Amino acid sequence: MKAVIDTNVLLVANGQHDDVSEDCVAECVKRLRAIQTIGVVVIDDAYRILGEYQNKTSLNPPRGVGDVFLKWLLRQTGSQQVEQVAIHETADNCFLEFPDPALEPLFDAPDRKFAAVAHAHEEKPEIWQAADCKWLDWWPALRAKGIEVDFLCPADTCAFYESKFPKKQRLDLPK
């Protein structure tokens, strides 16, 4: 198991997303604990991902599973459980390694680093996504470039999409 983990997975595991289901929280908790035991987390070598995690969680004291995961991850940096890749910022939140230049302007700027890291890694690890429904629009183009998005909370993600974009036809989840 190898993954690039979107910050919202940590936040959901912490209980910091009031609108998600209990099943979604449980799945995020389960995945974070599993990757700590048998997996590899992929991050960028300039610590952009870690920086975002630190800005949105609490380390002292850790209050939730996402906080505990981050504390563990910080201790693992440099170990076999963390792989770092270089990504090169060409402009603010724009990366040379972003998989699809036409898609990049449509992406939320803070989310671009996750796709760039996955694409820069030779194995193209999947991106874990909890409840950010905009990824439903982006996953087909990412898949075309060899990057899979694993929606940990598919029912929640689809419900948020339908609520946020009621007039837009929702794309199906990846199979």
C-alpha atoms as a PDB file:
ATOM      1  CA  MET A   1       0.000   0.000   0.000  1.00  0.00           C
ATOM      2  CA  LYS A   2       1.450   3.314  -1.132  1.00  0.00           C
ATOM      3  CA  ALA A   3      -0.448   6.607  -1.227  1.00  0.00           C
ATOM      4  CA  VAL A   4      -0.389  10.363  -1.450  1.00  0.00           C
ATOM      5  CA  ILE A   5      -2.850  11.465   1.231  1.00  0.00           C
ATOM      6  CA  ASP A   6      -4.971  14.588   0.850  1.00  0.00           C
ATOM      7  CA  THR A   7      -5.170  16.691   4.001  1.00  0.00           C
ATOM      8  CA  ASN A   8      -8.908  16.177   4.255  1.00  0.00           C
ATOM      9  CA  VAL A   9      -8.329  12.517   5.180  1.00  0.00           C
ATOM     10  CA  LEU A  10      -6.533  13.667   8.338  1.00  0.00           C
ATOM     11  CA  LEU A  11      -9.202  16.276   9.060  1.00  0.00           C
ATOM     12  CA  VAL A  12     -12.050  13.787   8.671  1.00  0.00           C
ATOM     13  CA  ALA A  13     -10.212  11.277  10.891  1.00  0.00           C
ATOM     14  CA  ASN A  14      -9.902  14.066  13.480  1.00  0.00           C
ATOM     15  CA  GLY A  15     -13.622  14.776  13.392  1.00  0.00           C
ATOM     16  CA  GLN A  16     -12.950  18.232  11.918  1.00  0.00           C
ATOM     17  CA  HIS A  17     -15.512  17.851   9.106  1.00  0.00           C
ATOM     18  CA  ASP A  18     -18.947  18.133  10.699  1.00  0.00           C
ATOM     19  CA  ASP A  19     -20.931  17.103   7.637  1.00  0.00           C
ATOM     20  CA  VAL A  20     -19.413  13.674   6.954  1.00  0.00           C
ATOM     21  CA  SER A  21     -20.959  10.403   8.017  1.00  0.00           C
ATOM     22  CA  GLU A  22     -19.680   8.204  10.824  1.00  0.00           C
ATOM     23  CA  ASP A  23     -18.770   5.639   8.145  1.00  0.00           C
ATOM     24  CA  CYS A  24     -16.551   8.217   6.455  1.00  0.00           C
ATOM     25  CA  VAL A  25     -14.753   9.033   9.700  1.00  0.00           C
ATOM     26  CA  ALA A  26     -14.295   5.317  10.407  1.00  0.00           C
ATOM     27  CA  GLU A  27     -12.863   4.668   6.928  1.00  0.00           C
ATOM     28  CA  CYS A  28     -10.370   7.523   7.194  1.00  0.00           C
ATOM     29  CA  VAL A  29      -9.280   6.319  10.634  1.00  0.00           C
ATOM     30  CA  LYS A  30      -8.928   2.753   9.343  1.00  0.00           C
ATOM     31  CA  ARG A  31      -6.837   3.815   6.337  1.00  0.00           C
ATOM     32  CA  LEU A  32      -4.490   6.055   8.314  1.00  0.00           C
ATOM     33  CA  ARG A  33      -3.884   3.311  10.858  1.00  0.00           C
ATOM     34  CA  ALA A  34      -3.338   0.735   8.110  1.00  0.00           C
ATOM     35  CA  ILE A  35      -0.762   2.771   6.224  1.00  0.00           C
ATOM     36  CA  GLN A  36       1.141   3.298   9.477  1.00  0.00           C
ATOM     37  CA  THR A  37       1.370  -0.469   9.854  1.00  0.00           C
ATOM     38  CA  ILE A  38       1.892  -1.767   6.325  1.00  0.00           C
ATOM     39  CA  GLY A  39       2.219   1.129   3.956  1.00  0.00           C
ATOM     40  CA  VAL A  40       4.255   3.939   2.485  1.00  0.00           C
ATOM     41  CA  VAL A  41       3.252   7.605   2.470  1.00  0.00           C
ATOM     42  CA  VAL A  42       4.515   9.674  -0.465  1.00  0.00           C
ATOM     43  CA  ILE A  43       5.237  13.367   0.102  1.00  0.00           C
ATOM     44  CA  ASP A  44       7.208  16.119  -1.600  1.00  0.00           C
ATOM     45  CA  ASP A  45      10.821  16.798  -0.645  1.00  0.00           C
ATOM     46  CA  ALA A  46      10.128  20.466   0.134  1.00  0.00           C
ATOM     47  CA  TYR A  47       7.561  19.441   2.797  1.00  0.00           C
ATOM     48  CA  ARG A  48       4.647  21.337   1.229  1.00  0.00           C
ATOM     49  CA  ILE A  49       2.285  18.492   2.121  1.00  0.00           C
ATOM     50  CA  LEU A  50       3.622  18.197   5.669  1.00  0.00           C
ATOM     51  CA  GLY A  51       3.338  21.963   6.038  1.00  0.00           C
ATOM     52  CA  GLU A  52      -0.322  21.879   5.069  1.00  0.00           C
ATOM     53  CA  TYR A  53      -0.965  19.006   7.463  1.00  0.00           C
ATOM     54  CA  GLN A  54       0.703  20.969  10.273  1.00  0.00           C
ATOM     55  CA  ASN A  55      -1.304  24.120   9.526  1.00  0.00           C
ATOM     56  CA  LYS A  56      -4.625  22.278   9.742  1.00  0.00           C
ATOM     57  CA  THR A  57      -4.045  19.854  12.603  1.00  0.00           C
ATOM     58  CA  SER A  58      -2.877  19.984  16.223  1.00  0.00           C
ATOM     59  CA  LEU A  59       0.332  18.322  17.346  1.00  0.00           C
ATOM     60  CA  ASN A  60       0.582  19.573  20.910  1.00  0.00           C
ATOM     61  CA  PRO A  61      -1.343  17.849  22.197  1.00  0.00           C
ATOM     62  CA  PRO A  62      -2.617  15.638  19.389  1.00  0.00           C
ATOM     63  CA  ARG A  63      -6.401  15.536  19.647  1.00  0.00           C
ATOM     64  CA  GLY A  64      -7.464  13.077  16.972  1.00  0.00           C
ATOM     65  CA  VAL A  65      -6.347  10.218  14.772  1.00  0.00           C
ATOM     66  CA  GLY A  66      -5.226  12.632  12.033  1.00  0.00           C
ATOM     67  CA  ASP A  67      -3.047  14.504  14.531  1.00  0.00           C
ATOM     68  CA  VAL A  68      -1.531  11.241  15.785  1.00  0.00           C
ATOM     69  CA  PHE A  69      -0.911  10.184  12.175  1.00  0.00           C
ATOM     70  CA  LEU A  70       0.939  13.428  11.463  1.00  0.00           C
ATOM     71  CA  LYS A  71       3.062  13.045  14.588  1.00  0.00           C
ATOM     72  CA  TRP A  72       3.931   9.499  13.459  1.00  0.00           C
ATOM     73  CA  LEU A  73       4.655  10.700   9.914  1.00  0.00           C
ATOM     74  CA  LEU A  74       7.038  13.390  11.129  1.00  0.00           C
ATOM     75  CA  ARG A  75       8.966  10.725  13.031  1.00  0.00           C
ATOM     76  CA  GLN A  76       9.069   8.434   9.987  1.00  0.00           C
ATOM     77  CA  THR A  77      10.440  10.978   7.512  1.00  0.00           C
ATOM     78  CA  GLY A  78      13.624   9.459   6.140  1.00  0.00           C
ATOM     79  CA  SER A  79      12.461   5.905   6.895  1.00  0.00           C
ATOM     80  CA  GLN A  80      11.212   3.229   4.508  1.00  0.00           C
ATOM     81  CA  GLN A  81       7.622   4.233   5.299  1.00  0.00           C
ATOM     82  CA  VAL A  82       7.987   7.671   3.710  1.00  0.00           C
ATOM     83  CA  GLU A  83       9.073   8.321   0.152  1.00  0.00           C
ATOM     84  CA  GLN A  84       9.822  11.838  -1.000  1.00  0.00           C
ATOM     85  CA  VAL A  85       9.768  13.147  -4.541  1.00  0.00           C
ATOM     86  CA  ALA A  86      10.891  16.457  -5.953  1.00  0.00           C
ATOM     87  CA  ILE A  87       8.295  18.751  -7.451  1.00  0.00           C
ATOM     88  CA  HIS A  88       9.215  22.074  -9.013  1.00  0.00           C
ATOM     89  CA  GLU A  89       7.015  25.113  -8.541  1.00  0.00           C
ATOM     90  CA  THR A  90       6.843  27.210 -11.714  1.00  0.00           C
ATOM     91  CA  ALA A  91       4.415  29.738 -10.206  1.00  0.00           C
ATOM     92  CA  ASP A  92       2.463  29.875  -6.970  1.00  0.00           C
ATOM     93  CA  ASN A  93       0.894  26.400  -6.565  1.00  0.00           C
ATOM     94  CA  CYS A  94       1.781  25.430 -10.153  1.00  0.00           C
ATOM     95  CA  PHE A  95       4.125  22.527 -10.704  1.00  0.00           C
ATOM     96  CA  LEU A  96       6.213  21.248 -13.566  1.00  0.00           C
ATOM     97  CA  GLU A  97       5.194  17.718 -12.535  1.00  0.00           C
ATOM     98  CA  PHE A  98       1.443  18.370 -12.613  1.00  0.00           C
ATOM     99  CA  PRO A  99       0.117  15.574 -14.831  1.00  0.00           C
ATOM    100  CA  ASP A 100      -2.106  17.579 -17.175  1.00  0.00           C
ATOM    101  CA  PRO A 101      -1.351  21.247 -17.928  1.00  0.00           C
ATOM    102  CA  ALA A 102      -4.893  21.796 -19.251  1.00  0.00           C
ATOM    103  CA  LEU A 103      -6.367  20.504 -15.991  1.00  0.00           C
ATOM    104  CA  GLU A 104      -4.080  22.458 -13.665  1.00  0.00           C
ATOM    105  CA  PRO A 105      -5.978  25.793 -13.825  1.00  0.00           C
ATOM    106  CA  LEU A 106      -9.241  23.950 -13.005  1.00  0.00           C
ATOM    107  CA  PHE A 107      -7.741  22.393  -9.866  1.00  0.00           C
ATOM    108  CA  ASP A 108      -7.943  24.094  -6.496  1.00  0.00           C
ATOM    109  CA  ALA A 109      -4.495  25.607  -6.068  1.00  0.00           C
ATOM    110  CA  PRO A 110      -3.726  23.885  -2.721  1.00  0.00           C
ATOM    111  CA  ASP A 111      -4.686  20.476  -4.167  1.00  0.00           C
ATOM    112  CA  ARG A 112      -2.270  20.644  -7.102  1.00  0.00           C
ATOM    113  CA  LYS A 113       0.683  19.455  -5.030  1.00  0.00           C
ATOM    114  CA  PHE A 114      -1.018  16.095  -4.377  1.00  0.00           C
ATOM    115  CA  ALA A 115      -1.446  15.388  -8.095  1.00  0.00           C
ATOM    116  CA  ALA A 116       2.081  16.632  -8.843  1.00  0.00           C
ATOM    117  CA  VAL A 117       3.590  14.369  -6.178  1.00  0.00           C
ATOM    118  CA  ALA A 118       1.676  11.324  -7.423  1.00  0.00           C
ATOM    119  CA  HIS A 119       2.732  12.043 -11.005  1.00  0.00           C
ATOM    120  CA  ALA A 120       6.379  12.693 -10.092  1.00  0.00           C
ATOM    121  CA  HIS A 121       6.703   9.352  -8.299  1.00  0.00           C
ATOM    122  CA  GLU A 122       7.826   6.531 -10.591  1.00  0.00           C
ATOM    123  CA  GLU A 123       5.055   4.208  -9.333  1.00  0.00           C
ATOM    124  CA  LYS A 124       2.249   6.804  -9.605  1.00  0.00           C
ATOM    125  CA  PRO A 125       0.743   6.029  -6.172  1.00  0.00           C
ATOM    126  CA  GLU A 126      -2.952   6.577  -5.704  1.00  0.00           C
ATOM    127  CA  ILE A 127      -4.263   9.719  -4.057  1.00  0.00           C
ATOM    128  CA  TRP A 128      -6.494   9.180  -1.048  1.00  0.00           C
ATOM    129  CA  GLN A 129      -9.400  11.593  -1.012  1.00  0.00           C
ATOM    130  CA  ALA A 130     -11.975  11.759   1.782  1.00  0.00           C
ATOM    131  CA  ALA A 131     -14.806  14.177   1.054  1.00  0.00           C
ATOM    132  CA  ASP A 132     -13.686  16.911  -1.363  1.00  0.00           C
ATOM    133  CA  CYS A 133     -16.274  16.549  -4.088  1.00  0.00           C
ATOM    134  CA  LYS A 134     -14.395  18.585  -6.700  1.00  0.00           C
ATOM    135  CA  TRP A 135     -12.109  15.592  -7.228  1.00  0.00           C
ATOM    136  CA  LEU A 136     -15.075  13.921  -8.969  1.00  0.00           C
ATOM    137  CA  ASP A 137     -14.487  16.313 -11.863  1.00  0.00           C
ATOM    138  CA  TRP A 138     -10.736  15.713 -11.895  1.00  0.00           C
ATOM    139  CA  TRP A 139     -10.217  11.968 -11.510  1.00  0.00           C
ATOM    140  CA  PRO A 140     -10.895  10.993 -15.179  1.00  0.00           C
ATOM    141  CA  ALA A 141      -8.139  13.297 -16.475  1.00  0.00           C
ATOM    142  CA  LEU A 142      -5.798  12.093 -13.731  1.00  0.00           C
ATOM    143  CA  ARG A 143      -6.540   8.457 -14.594  1.00  0.00           C
ATOM    144  CA  ALA A 144      -5.698   9.208 -18.227  1.00  0.00           C
ATOM    145  CA  LYS A 145      -2.226  10.185 -16.955  1.00  0.00           C
ATOM    146  CA  GLY A 146      -1.874   7.024 -14.864  1.00  0.00           C
ATOM    147  CA  ILE A 147      -2.969   8.411 -11.488  1.00  0.00           C
ATOM    148  CA  GLU A 148      -5.833   6.861  -9.549  1.00  0.00           C
ATOM    149  CA  VAL A 149      -7.926   8.670  -6.966  1.00  0.00           C
ATOM    150  CA  ASP A 150      -9.273   6.493  -4.165  1.00  0.00           C
ATOM    151  CA  PHE A 151     -12.447   8.054  -2.800  1.00  0.00           C
ATOM    152  CA  LEU A 152     -12.540   6.797   0.784  1.00  0.00           C
ATOM    153  CA  CYS A 153     -16.041   8.181   1.373  1.00  0.00           C
ATOM    154  CA  PRO A 154     -17.898   7.728  -1.926  1.00  0.00           C
ATOM    155  CA  ALA A 155     -21.429   8.280  -0.594  1.00  0.00           C
ATOM    156  CA  ASP A 156     -20.428  11.459   1.248  1.00  0.00           C
ATOM    157  CA  THR A 157     -18.449  12.759  -1.733  1.00  0.00           C
ATOM    158  CA  CYS A 158     -21.358  12.221  -4.124  1.00  0.00           C
ATOM    159  CA  ALA A 159     -23.846  13.830  -1.731  1.00  0.00           C
ATOM    160  CA  PHE A 160     -21.596  16.881  -1.305  1.00  0.00           C
ATOM    161  CA  TYR A 161     -21.208  17.150  -5.088  1.00  0.00           C
ATOM    162  CA  GLU A 162     -24.957  17.055  -5.680  1.00  0.00           C
ATOM    163  CA  SER A 163     -25.498  19.674  -2.982  1.00  0.00           C
ATOM    164  CA  LYS A 164     -22.704  21.971  -4.192  1.00  0.00           C
ATOM    165  CA  PHE A 165     -23.361  21.598  -7.929  1.00  0.00           C
ATOM    166  CA  PRO A 166     -27.102  20.825  -8.249  1.00  0.00           C
ATOM    167  CA  LYS A 167     -27.284  21.696 -11.951  1.00  0.00           C
ATOM    168  CA  LYS A 168     -24.158  19.833 -12.944  1.00  0.00           C
ATOM    169  CA  GLN A 169     -24.226  16.198 -13.932  1.00  0.00           C
ATOM    170  CA  ARG A 170     -21.992  14.260 -11.601  1.00  0.00           C
ATOM    171  CA  LEU A 171     -19.357  11.998 -13.070  1.00  0.00           C
ATOM    172  CA  ASP A 172     -19.296   8.434 -11.840  1.00  0.00           C
ATOM    173  CA  LEU A 173     -16.792   7.286  -9.302  1.00  0.00           C
ATOM    174  CA  PRO A 174     -13.773   5.351 -10.572  1.00  0.00           C
ATOM    175  CA  LYS A 175     -14.177   1.588 -10.672  1.00  0.00           C
END
